[in-house]
């Protein structure tokens, strides 16, 4: 099997669609893939902008910052939940 023959040190991030659950897919495929599968929890009906922010902070860690201008324009809080990093060693390198 080609996938099992690869020696990969990586993480694959599964991003669910709106109202979706990528966690179920991660649990299904992880035993057959030579890498870590991550399925960050996102707001089920978040905008694309909000989901991008949620994904970033799920991977990097910290308090979700949706941005001052975006939050004011869309009438929601600028800051969201504090996330523990799924990829704590992730950096610019």
PDB file of N, CA and C in Angstrom:
ATOM      1  N   UNK A   1       0.843  -1.174   0.000  1.00  0.00           N
ATOM      2  CA  UNK A   1       0.000   0.000   0.000  1.00  0.00           C
ATOM      3  C   UNK A   1       0.884   1.232   0.000  1.00  0.00           C
ATOM      4  N   UNK A   2       0.669   2.138  -0.940  1.00  0.00           N
ATOM      5  CA  UNK A   2       1.544   3.299  -1.130  1.00  0.00           C
ATOM      6  C   UNK A   2       1.611   4.180   0.106  1.00  0.00           C
ATOM      7  N   UNK A   3       0.467   4.483   0.700  1.00  0.00           N
ATOM      8  CA  UNK A   3       0.469   5.401   1.843  1.00  0.00           C
ATOM      9  C   UNK A   3       1.263   4.826   3.003  1.00  0.00           C
ATOM     10  N   UNK A   4       1.094   3.538   3.279  1.00  0.00           N
ATOM     11  CA  UNK A   4       1.801   2.957   4.421  1.00  0.00           C
ATOM     12  C   UNK A   4       3.297   2.838   4.157  1.00  0.00           C
ATOM     13  N   UNK A   5       3.723   2.898   2.907  1.00  0.00           N
ATOM     14  CA  UNK A   5       5.149   2.810   2.588  1.00  0.00           C
ATOM     15  C   UNK A   5       5.873   4.133   2.779  1.00  0.00           C
ATOM     16  N   UNK A   6       5.138   5.225   2.884  1.00  0.00           N
ATOM     17  CA  UNK A   6       5.755   6.535   3.035  1.00  0.00           C
ATOM     18  C   UNK A   6       6.151   6.781   4.479  1.00  0.00           C
ATOM     19  N   UNK A   7       7.291   7.382   4.675  1.00  0.00           N
ATOM     20  CA  UNK A   7       7.725   7.765   6.017  1.00  0.00           C
ATOM     21  C   UNK A   7       7.568   9.275   6.122  1.00  0.00           C
ATOM     22  N   UNK A   8       6.473   9.705   6.672  1.00  0.00           N
ATOM     23  CA  UNK A   8       6.147  11.124   6.706  1.00  0.00           C
ATOM     24  C   UNK A   8       6.050  11.599   8.147  1.00  0.00           C
ATOM     25  N   UNK A   9       6.756  12.686   8.445  1.00  0.00           N
ATOM     26  CA  UNK A   9       6.646  13.317   9.752  1.00  0.00           C
ATOM     27  C   UNK A   9       5.882  14.619   9.539  1.00  0.00           C
ATOM     28  N   UNK A  10       4.569  14.532   9.662  1.00  0.00           N
ATOM     29  CA  UNK A  10       3.755  15.697   9.366  1.00  0.00           C
ATOM     30  C   UNK A  10       2.437  15.631  10.124  1.00  0.00           C
ATOM     31  N   UNK A  11       1.678  16.662   9.966  1.00  0.00           N
ATOM     32  CA  UNK A  11       0.319  16.698  10.494  1.00  0.00           C
ATOM     33  C   UNK A  11      -0.596  17.146   9.361  1.00  0.00           C
ATOM     34  N   UNK A  12      -1.743  16.521   9.271  1.00  0.00           N
ATOM     35  CA  UNK A  12      -2.759  16.892   8.293  1.00  0.00           C
ATOM     36  C   UNK A  12      -3.914  17.503   9.074  1.00  0.00           C
ATOM     37  N   UNK A  13      -4.340  18.688   8.649  1.00  0.00           N
ATOM     38  CA  UNK A  13      -5.436  19.376   9.328  1.00  0.00           C
ATOM     39  C   UNK A  13      -6.702  19.183   8.504  1.00  0.00           C
ATOM     40  N   UNK A  14      -7.694  18.551   9.112  1.00  0.00           N
ATOM     41  CA  UNK A  14      -8.986  18.359   8.460  1.00  0.00           C
ATOM     42  C   UNK A  14      -9.910  19.484   8.909  1.00  0.00           C
ATOM     43  N   UNK A  15     -10.469  20.198   7.947  1.00  0.00           N
ATOM     44  CA  UNK A  15     -11.341  21.325   8.248  1.00  0.00           C
ATOM     45  C   UNK A  15     -12.760  20.946   7.839  1.00  0.00           C
ATOM     46  N   UNK A  16     -13.672  20.904   8.798  1.00  0.00           N
ATOM     47  CA  UNK A  16     -15.042  20.528   8.460  1.00  0.00           C
ATOM     48  C   UNK A  16     -15.768  21.658   7.739  1.00  0.00           C
ATOM     49  N   UNK A  17     -16.758  21.291   6.960  1.00  0.00           N
ATOM     50  CA  UNK A  17     -17.644  22.288   6.370  1.00  0.00           C
ATOM     51  C   UNK A  17     -18.587  22.800   7.439  1.00  0.00           C
ATOM     52  N   UNK A  18     -19.412  23.755   7.106  1.00  0.00           N
ATOM     53  CA  UNK A  18     -20.383  24.252   8.074  1.00  0.00           C
ATOM     54  C   UNK A  18     -21.263  23.109   8.551  1.00  0.00           C
ATOM     55  N   UNK A  19     -21.469  23.067   9.849  1.00  0.00           N
ATOM     56  CA  UNK A  19     -22.268  22.038  10.518  1.00  0.00           C
ATOM     57  C   UNK A  19     -21.622  20.654  10.408  1.00  0.00           C
ATOM     58  N   UNK A  20     -20.346  20.592  10.028  1.00  0.00           N
ATOM     59  CA  UNK A  20     -19.665  19.319   9.830  1.00  0.00           C
ATOM     60  C   UNK A  20     -18.869  18.869  11.039  1.00  0.00           C
ATOM     61  N   UNK A  21     -18.364  17.638  10.953  1.00  0.00           N
ATOM     62  CA  UNK A  21     -17.557  17.045  12.023  1.00  0.00           C
ATOM     63  C   UNK A  21     -16.353  16.357  11.397  1.00  0.00           C
ATOM     64  N   UNK A  22     -15.209  17.031  11.409  1.00  0.00           N
ATOM     65  CA  UNK A  22     -13.997  16.433  10.862  1.00  0.00           C
ATOM     66  C   UNK A  22     -13.388  15.436  11.830  1.00  0.00           C
ATOM     67  N   UNK A  23     -13.779  15.478  13.090  1.00  0.00           N
ATOM     68  CA  UNK A  23     -13.252  14.549  14.089  1.00  0.00           C
ATOM     69  C   UNK A  23     -13.564  13.111  13.746  1.00  0.00           C
ATOM     70  N   UNK A  24     -14.752  12.848  13.230  1.00  0.00           N
ATOM     71  CA  UNK A  24     -15.138  11.486  12.847  1.00  0.00           C
ATOM     72  C   UNK A  24     -14.243  10.984  11.717  1.00  0.00           C
ATOM     73  N   UNK A  25     -13.973  11.833  10.738  1.00  0.00           N
ATOM     74  CA  UNK A  25     -13.088  11.437   9.636  1.00  0.00           C
ATOM     75  C   UNK A  25     -11.680  11.186  10.142  1.00  0.00           C
ATOM     76  N   UNK A  26     -11.193  12.028  11.054  1.00  0.00           N
ATOM     77  CA  UNK A  26      -9.847  11.848  11.602  1.00  0.00           C
ATOM     78  C   UNK A  26      -9.738  10.507  12.321  1.00  0.00           C
ATOM     79  N   UNK A  27     -10.722  10.176  13.127  1.00  0.00           N
ATOM     80  CA  UNK A  27     -10.694   8.893  13.848  1.00  0.00           C
ATOM     81  C   UNK A  27     -10.746   7.714  12.878  1.00  0.00           C
ATOM     82  N   UNK A  28     -11.443   7.869  11.768  1.00  0.00           N
ATOM     83  CA  UNK A  28     -11.568   6.790  10.783  1.00  0.00           C
ATOM     84  C   UNK A  28     -10.258   6.554  10.021  1.00  0.00           C
ATOM     85  N   UNK A  29      -9.616   7.619   9.572  1.00  0.00           N
ATOM     86  CA  UNK A  29      -8.436   7.491   8.705  1.00  0.00           C
ATOM     87  C   UNK A  29      -7.102   7.413   9.435  1.00  0.00           C
ATOM     88  N   UNK A  30      -7.022   7.896  10.648  1.00  0.00           N
ATOM     89  CA  UNK A  30      -5.737   7.976  11.346  1.00  0.00           C
ATOM     90  C   UNK A  30      -4.993   6.643  11.435  1.00  0.00           C
ATOM     91  N   UNK A  31      -5.657   5.517  11.680  1.00  0.00           N
ATOM     92  CA  UNK A  31      -4.904   4.260  11.773  1.00  0.00           C
ATOM     93  C   UNK A  31      -4.149   3.882  10.491  1.00  0.00           C
ATOM     94  N   UNK A  32      -4.573   4.402   9.340  1.00  0.00           N
ATOM     95  CA  UNK A  32      -3.949   4.014   8.069  1.00  0.00           C
ATOM     96  C   UNK A  32      -2.980   5.042   7.528  1.00  0.00           C
ATOM     97  N   UNK A  33      -2.877   6.193   8.141  1.00  0.00           N
ATOM     98  CA  UNK A  33      -2.002   7.240   7.619  1.00  0.00           C
ATOM     99  C   UNK A  33      -0.753   7.384   8.477  1.00  0.00           C
ATOM    100  N   UNK A  34       0.396   7.635   7.844  1.00  0.00           N
ATOM    101  CA  UNK A  34       1.658   7.753   8.589  1.00  0.00           C
ATOM    102  C   UNK A  34       1.894   9.158   9.149  1.00  0.00           C
ATOM    103  N   UNK A  35       0.843   9.847   9.505  1.00  0.00           N
ATOM    104  CA  UNK A  35       0.985  11.181  10.052  1.00  0.00           C
ATOM    105  C   UNK A  35      -0.153  11.447  11.028  1.00  0.00           C
ATOM    106  N   UNK A  36      -0.030  12.526  11.744  1.00  0.00           N
ATOM    107  CA  UNK A  36      -1.050  12.920  12.705  1.00  0.00           C
ATOM    108  C   UNK A  36      -2.171  13.654  11.998  1.00  0.00           C
ATOM    109  N   UNK A  37      -3.399  13.278  12.302  1.00  0.00           N
ATOM    110  CA  UNK A  37      -4.561  13.998  11.768  1.00  0.00           C
ATOM    111  C   UNK A  37      -5.127  14.885  12.860  1.00  0.00           C
ATOM    112  N   UNK A  38      -5.339  16.144  12.536  1.00  0.00           N
ATOM    113  CA  UNK A  38      -5.900  17.103  13.482  1.00  0.00           C
ATOM    114  C   UNK A  38      -7.241  17.590  12.950  1.00  0.00           C
ATOM    115  N   UNK A  39      -8.206  17.726  13.845  1.00  0.00           N
ATOM    116  CA  UNK A  39      -9.530  18.203  13.463  1.00  0.00           C
ATOM    117  C   UNK A  39      -9.955  19.274  14.464  1.00  0.00           C
ATOM    118  N   UNK A  40      -9.522  20.525  14.250  1.00  0.00           N
ATOM    119  CA  UNK A  40      -9.863  21.580  15.204  1.00  0.00           C
ATOM    120  C   UNK A  40     -11.362  21.809  15.273  1.00  0.00           C
ATOM    121  N   UNK A  41     -11.821  22.155  16.461  1.00  0.00           N
ATOM    122  CA  UNK A  41     -13.226  22.464  16.672  1.00  0.00           C
ATOM    123  C   UNK A  41     -13.490  23.885  16.209  1.00  0.00           C
ATOM    124  N   UNK A  42     -14.481  24.047  15.342  1.00  0.00           N
ATOM    125  CA  UNK A  42     -14.823  25.365  14.803  1.00  0.00           C
ATOM    126  C   UNK A  42     -16.293  25.656  15.077  1.00  0.00           C
ATOM    127  N   UNK A  43     -16.638  26.935  15.051  1.00  0.00           N
ATOM    128  CA  UNK A  43     -18.042  27.304  15.173  1.00  0.00           C
ATOM    129  C   UNK A  43     -18.812  26.727  13.998  1.00  0.00           C
ATOM    130  N   UNK A  44     -19.930  26.052  14.235  1.00  0.00           N
ATOM    131  CA  UNK A  44     -20.644  25.371  13.154  1.00  0.00           C
ATOM    132  C   UNK A  44     -21.200  26.303  12.088  1.00  0.00           C
ATOM    133  N   UNK A  45     -21.460  27.543  12.419  1.00  0.00           N
ATOM    134  CA  UNK A  45     -21.979  28.486  11.431  1.00  0.00           C
ATOM    135  C   UNK A  45     -21.140  29.763  11.373  1.00  0.00           C
ATOM    136  N   UNK A  46     -19.874  29.663  11.730  1.00  0.00           N
ATOM    137  CA  UNK A  46     -18.972  30.821  11.680  1.00  0.00           C
ATOM    138  C   UNK A  46     -18.740  31.237  10.229  1.00  0.00           C
ATOM    139  N   UNK A  47     -18.481  32.524  10.039  1.00  0.00           N
ATOM    140  CA  UNK A  47     -18.136  33.023   8.703  1.00  0.00           C
ATOM    141  C   UNK A  47     -16.775  32.462   8.286  1.00  0.00           C
ATOM    142  N   UNK A  48     -16.438  32.607   7.019  1.00  0.00           N
ATOM    143  CA  UNK A  48     -15.128  32.144   6.540  1.00  0.00           C
ATOM    144  C   UNK A  48     -14.004  32.859   7.288  1.00  0.00           C
ATOM    145  N   UNK A  49     -14.146  34.165   7.521  1.00  0.00           N
ATOM    146  CA  UNK A  49     -13.133  34.926   8.257  1.00  0.00           C
ATOM    147  C   UNK A  49     -12.980  34.371   9.669  1.00  0.00           C
ATOM    148  N   UNK A  50     -14.105  34.169  10.355  1.00  0.00           N
ATOM    149  CA  UNK A  50     -14.052  33.669  11.723  1.00  0.00           C
ATOM    150  C   UNK A  50     -13.462  32.270  11.776  1.00  0.00           C
ATOM    151  N   UNK A  51     -13.803  31.425  10.819  1.00  0.00           N
ATOM    152  CA  UNK A  51     -13.261  30.054  10.780  1.00  0.00           C
ATOM    153  C   UNK A  51     -11.750  30.083  10.565  1.00  0.00           C
ATOM    154  N   UNK A  52     -11.264  30.968   9.704  1.00  0.00           N
ATOM    155  CA  UNK A  52      -9.820  31.077   9.478  1.00  0.00           C
ATOM    156  C   UNK A  52      -9.113  31.464  10.778  1.00  0.00           C
ATOM    157  N   UNK A  53      -9.685  32.407  11.513  1.00  0.00           N
ATOM    158  CA  UNK A  53      -9.105  32.804  12.802  1.00  0.00           C
ATOM    159  C   UNK A  53      -9.135  31.632  13.780  1.00  0.00           C
ATOM    160  N   UNK A  54     -10.252  30.918  13.836  1.00  0.00           N
ATOM    161  CA  UNK A  54     -10.395  29.778  14.748  1.00  0.00           C
ATOM    162  C   UNK A  54      -9.394  28.670  14.414  1.00  0.00           C
ATOM    163  N   UNK A  55      -9.168  28.413  13.132  1.00  0.00           N
ATOM    164  CA  UNK A  55      -8.193  27.386  12.721  1.00  0.00           C
ATOM    165  C   UNK A  55      -6.785  27.810  13.137  1.00  0.00           C
ATOM    166  N   UNK A  56      -6.418  29.063  12.854  1.00  0.00           N
ATOM    167  CA  UNK A  56      -5.083  29.545  13.207  1.00  0.00           C
ATOM    168  C   UNK A  56      -4.819  29.371  14.701  1.00  0.00           C
ATOM    169  N   UNK A  57      -5.745  29.841  15.539  1.00  0.00           N
ATOM    170  CA  UNK A  57      -5.518  29.776  16.983  1.00  0.00           C
ATOM    171  C   UNK A  57      -5.641  28.356  17.525  1.00  0.00           C
ATOM    172  N   UNK A  58      -6.381  27.487  16.846  1.00  0.00           N
ATOM    173  CA  UNK A  58      -6.417  26.081  17.253  1.00  0.00           C
ATOM    174  C   UNK A  58      -5.046  25.446  17.028  1.00  0.00           C
ATOM    175  N   UNK A  59      -4.379  25.818  15.950  1.00  0.00           N
ATOM    176  CA  UNK A  59      -3.063  25.248  15.646  1.00  0.00           C
ATOM    177  C   UNK A  59      -1.959  25.907  16.462  1.00  0.00           C
ATOM    178  N   UNK A  60      -1.970  27.221  16.548  1.00  0.00           N
ATOM    179  CA  UNK A  60      -0.895  27.977  17.201  1.00  0.00           C
ATOM    180  C   UNK A  60      -1.111  28.171  18.697  1.00  0.00           C
ATOM    181  N   UNK A  61      -2.368  28.212  19.131  1.00  0.00           N
ATOM    182  CA  UNK A  61      -2.683  28.446  20.533  1.00  0.00           C
ATOM    183  C   UNK A  61      -2.866  29.918  20.820  1.00  0.00           C
ATOM    184  N   UNK A  62      -3.592  30.223  21.874  1.00  0.00           N
ATOM    185  CA  UNK A  62      -3.827  31.603  22.294  1.00  0.00           C
ATOM    186  C   UNK A  62      -5.294  31.953  22.255  1.00  0.00           C
ATOM    187  N   UNK A  63      -5.584  33.191  22.588  1.00  0.00           N
ATOM    188  CA  UNK A  63      -6.955  33.694  22.576  1.00  0.00           C
ATOM    189  C   UNK A  63      -7.303  34.100  21.147  1.00  0.00           C
ATOM    190  N   UNK A  64      -8.406  33.596  20.639  1.00  0.00           N
ATOM    191  CA  UNK A  64      -8.815  33.901  19.265  1.00  0.00           C
ATOM    192  C   UNK A  64      -9.080  35.395  19.132  1.00  0.00           C
ATOM    193  N   UNK A  65      -8.435  36.020  18.148  1.00  0.00           N
ATOM    194  CA  UNK A  65      -8.629  37.439  17.854  1.00  0.00           C
ATOM    195  C   UNK A  65      -9.231  37.534  16.454  1.00  0.00           C
ATOM    196  N   UNK A  66     -10.492  37.936  16.386  1.00  0.00           N
ATOM    197  CA  UNK A  66     -11.188  38.036  15.101  1.00  0.00           C
ATOM    198  C   UNK A  66     -10.884  39.349  14.384  1.00  0.00           C
ATOM    199  N   UNK A  67     -10.183  40.246  15.041  1.00  0.00           N
ATOM    200  CA  UNK A  67      -9.825  41.532  14.452  1.00  0.00           C
ATOM    201  C   UNK A  67     -10.818  42.616  14.840  1.00  0.00           C
ATOM    202  N   UNK A  68     -10.282  43.789  15.154  1.00  0.00           N
ATOM    203  CA  UNK A  68     -11.110  44.898  15.622  1.00  0.00           C
ATOM    204  C   UNK A  68     -12.117  45.352  14.571  1.00  0.00           C
ATOM    205  N   UNK A  69     -11.656  45.601  13.351  1.00  0.00           N
ATOM    206  CA  UNK A  69     -12.545  46.111  12.305  1.00  0.00           C
ATOM    207  C   UNK A  69     -13.600  45.077  11.920  1.00  0.00           C
ATOM    208  N   UNK A  70     -13.192  43.823  11.762  1.00  0.00           N
ATOM    209  CA  UNK A  70     -14.140  42.769  11.388  1.00  0.00           C
ATOM    210  C   UNK A  70     -15.214  42.599  12.454  1.00  0.00           C
ATOM    211  N   UNK A  71     -14.803  42.540  13.697  1.00  0.00           N
ATOM    212  CA  UNK A  71     -15.748  42.346  14.793  1.00  0.00           C
ATOM    213  C   UNK A  71     -16.747  43.492  14.879  1.00  0.00           C
ATOM    214  N   UNK A  72     -16.263  44.729  14.728  1.00  0.00           N
ATOM    215  CA  UNK A  72     -17.156  45.886  14.769  1.00  0.00           C
ATOM    216  C   UNK A  72     -18.131  45.865  13.597  1.00  0.00           C
ATOM    217  N   UNK A  73     -17.643  45.511  12.414  1.00  0.00           N
ATOM    218  CA  UNK A  73     -18.494  45.490  11.224  1.00  0.00           C
ATOM    219  C   UNK A  73     -19.563  44.401  11.293  1.00  0.00           C
ATOM    220  N   UNK A  74     -19.280  43.317  11.997  1.00  0.00           N
ATOM    221  CA  UNK A  74     -20.212  42.183  12.034  1.00  0.00           C
ATOM    222  C   UNK A  74     -20.905  42.015  13.378  1.00  0.00           C
ATOM    223  N   UNK A  75     -20.667  42.936  14.291  1.00  0.00           N
ATOM    224  CA  UNK A  75     -21.406  42.969  15.540  1.00  0.00           C
ATOM    225  C   UNK A  75     -21.159  41.817  16.486  1.00  0.00           C
ATOM    226  N   UNK A  76     -19.916  41.371  16.573  1.00  0.00           N
ATOM    227  CA  UNK A  76     -19.604  40.340  17.573  1.00  0.00           C
ATOM    228  C   UNK A  76     -18.329  40.695  18.316  1.00  0.00           C
ATOM    229  N   UNK A  77     -18.086  39.963  19.377  1.00  0.00           N
ATOM    230  CA  UNK A  77     -16.906  40.225  20.202  1.00  0.00           C
ATOM    231  C   UNK A  77     -15.623  40.047  19.392  1.00  0.00           C
ATOM    232  N   UNK A  78     -14.640  40.864  19.696  1.00  0.00           N
ATOM    233  CA  UNK A  78     -13.349  40.745  19.010  1.00  0.00           C
ATOM    234  C   UNK A  78     -12.612  39.480  19.421  1.00  0.00           C
ATOM    235  N   UNK A  79     -12.672  39.136  20.699  1.00  0.00           N
ATOM    236  CA  UNK A  79     -11.914  37.998  21.210  1.00  0.00           C
ATOM    237  C   UNK A  79     -12.826  36.828  21.516  1.00  0.00           C
ATOM    238  N   UNK A  80     -12.308  35.636  21.259  1.00  0.00           N
ATOM    239  CA  UNK A  80     -13.056  34.414  21.523  1.00  0.00           C
ATOM    240  C   UNK A  80     -12.372  33.585  22.594  1.00  0.00           C
ATOM    241  N   UNK A  81     -12.573  32.300  22.514  1.00  0.00           N
ATOM    242  CA  UNK A  81     -12.050  31.368  23.508  1.00  0.00           C
ATOM    243  C   UNK A  81     -10.528  31.259  23.437  1.00  0.00           C
ATOM    244  N   UNK A  82      -9.939  30.863  24.545  1.00  0.00           N
ATOM    245  CA  UNK A  82      -8.500  30.576  24.565  1.00  0.00           C
ATOM    246  C   UNK A  82      -8.319  29.132  24.112  1.00  0.00           C
ATOM    247  N   UNK A  83      -7.415  28.920  23.174  1.00  0.00           N
ATOM    248  CA  UNK A  83      -7.154  27.589  22.634  1.00  0.00           C
ATOM    249  C   UNK A  83      -5.779  27.090  23.047  1.00  0.00           C
ATOM    250  N   UNK A  84      -5.700  25.817  23.357  1.00  0.00           N
ATOM    251  CA  UNK A  84      -4.423  25.156  23.597  1.00  0.00           C
ATOM    252  C   UNK A  84      -3.919  24.697  22.227  1.00  0.00           C
ATOM    253  N   UNK A  85      -2.671  24.952  21.921  1.00  0.00           N
ATOM    254  CA  UNK A  85      -2.109  24.670  20.599  1.00  0.00           C
ATOM    255  C   UNK A  85      -2.134  23.182  20.262  1.00  0.00           C
ATOM    256  N   UNK A  86      -2.693  22.861  19.083  1.00  0.00           N
ATOM    257  CA  UNK A  86      -2.628  21.494  18.568  1.00  0.00           C
ATOM    258  C   UNK A  86      -1.247  21.213  17.971  1.00  0.00           C
ATOM    259  N   UNK A  87      -0.573  22.267  17.506  1.00  0.00           N
ATOM    260  CA  UNK A  87       0.785  22.163  16.945  1.00  0.00           C
ATOM    261  C   UNK A  87       1.694  23.145  17.676  1.00  0.00           C
ATOM    262  N   UNK A  88       2.038  22.869  18.920  1.00  0.00           N
ATOM    263  CA  UNK A  88       2.806  23.843  19.698  1.00  0.00           C
ATOM    264  C   UNK A  88       4.181  24.167  19.124  1.00  0.00           C
ATOM    265  N   UNK A  89       4.758  23.270  18.335  1.00  0.00           N
ATOM    266  CA  UNK A  89       6.093  23.535  17.757  1.00  0.00           C
ATOM    267  C   UNK A  89       6.011  24.258  16.423  1.00  0.00           C
ATOM    268  N   UNK A  90       4.810  24.552  15.938  1.00  0.00           N
ATOM    269  CA  UNK A  90       4.623  25.224  14.656  1.00  0.00           C
ATOM    270  C   UNK A  90       5.199  26.624  14.716  1.00  0.00           C
ATOM    271  N   UNK A  91       6.048  26.977  13.740  1.00  0.00           N
ATOM    272  CA  UNK A  91       6.640  28.305  13.696  1.00  0.00           C
ATOM    273  C   UNK A  91       6.934  28.690  12.266  1.00  0.00           C
ATOM    274  N   UNK A  92       7.602  29.785  12.067  1.00  0.00           N
ATOM    275  CA  UNK A  92       7.880  30.286  10.719  1.00  0.00           C
ATOM    276  C   UNK A  92       8.807  29.385   9.913  1.00  0.00           C
ATOM    277  N   UNK A  93       9.499  28.464  10.559  1.00  0.00           N
ATOM    278  CA  UNK A  93      10.395  27.565   9.831  1.00  0.00           C
ATOM    279  C   UNK A  93       9.633  26.365   9.365  1.00  0.00           C
TER     280      UNK A  93
END
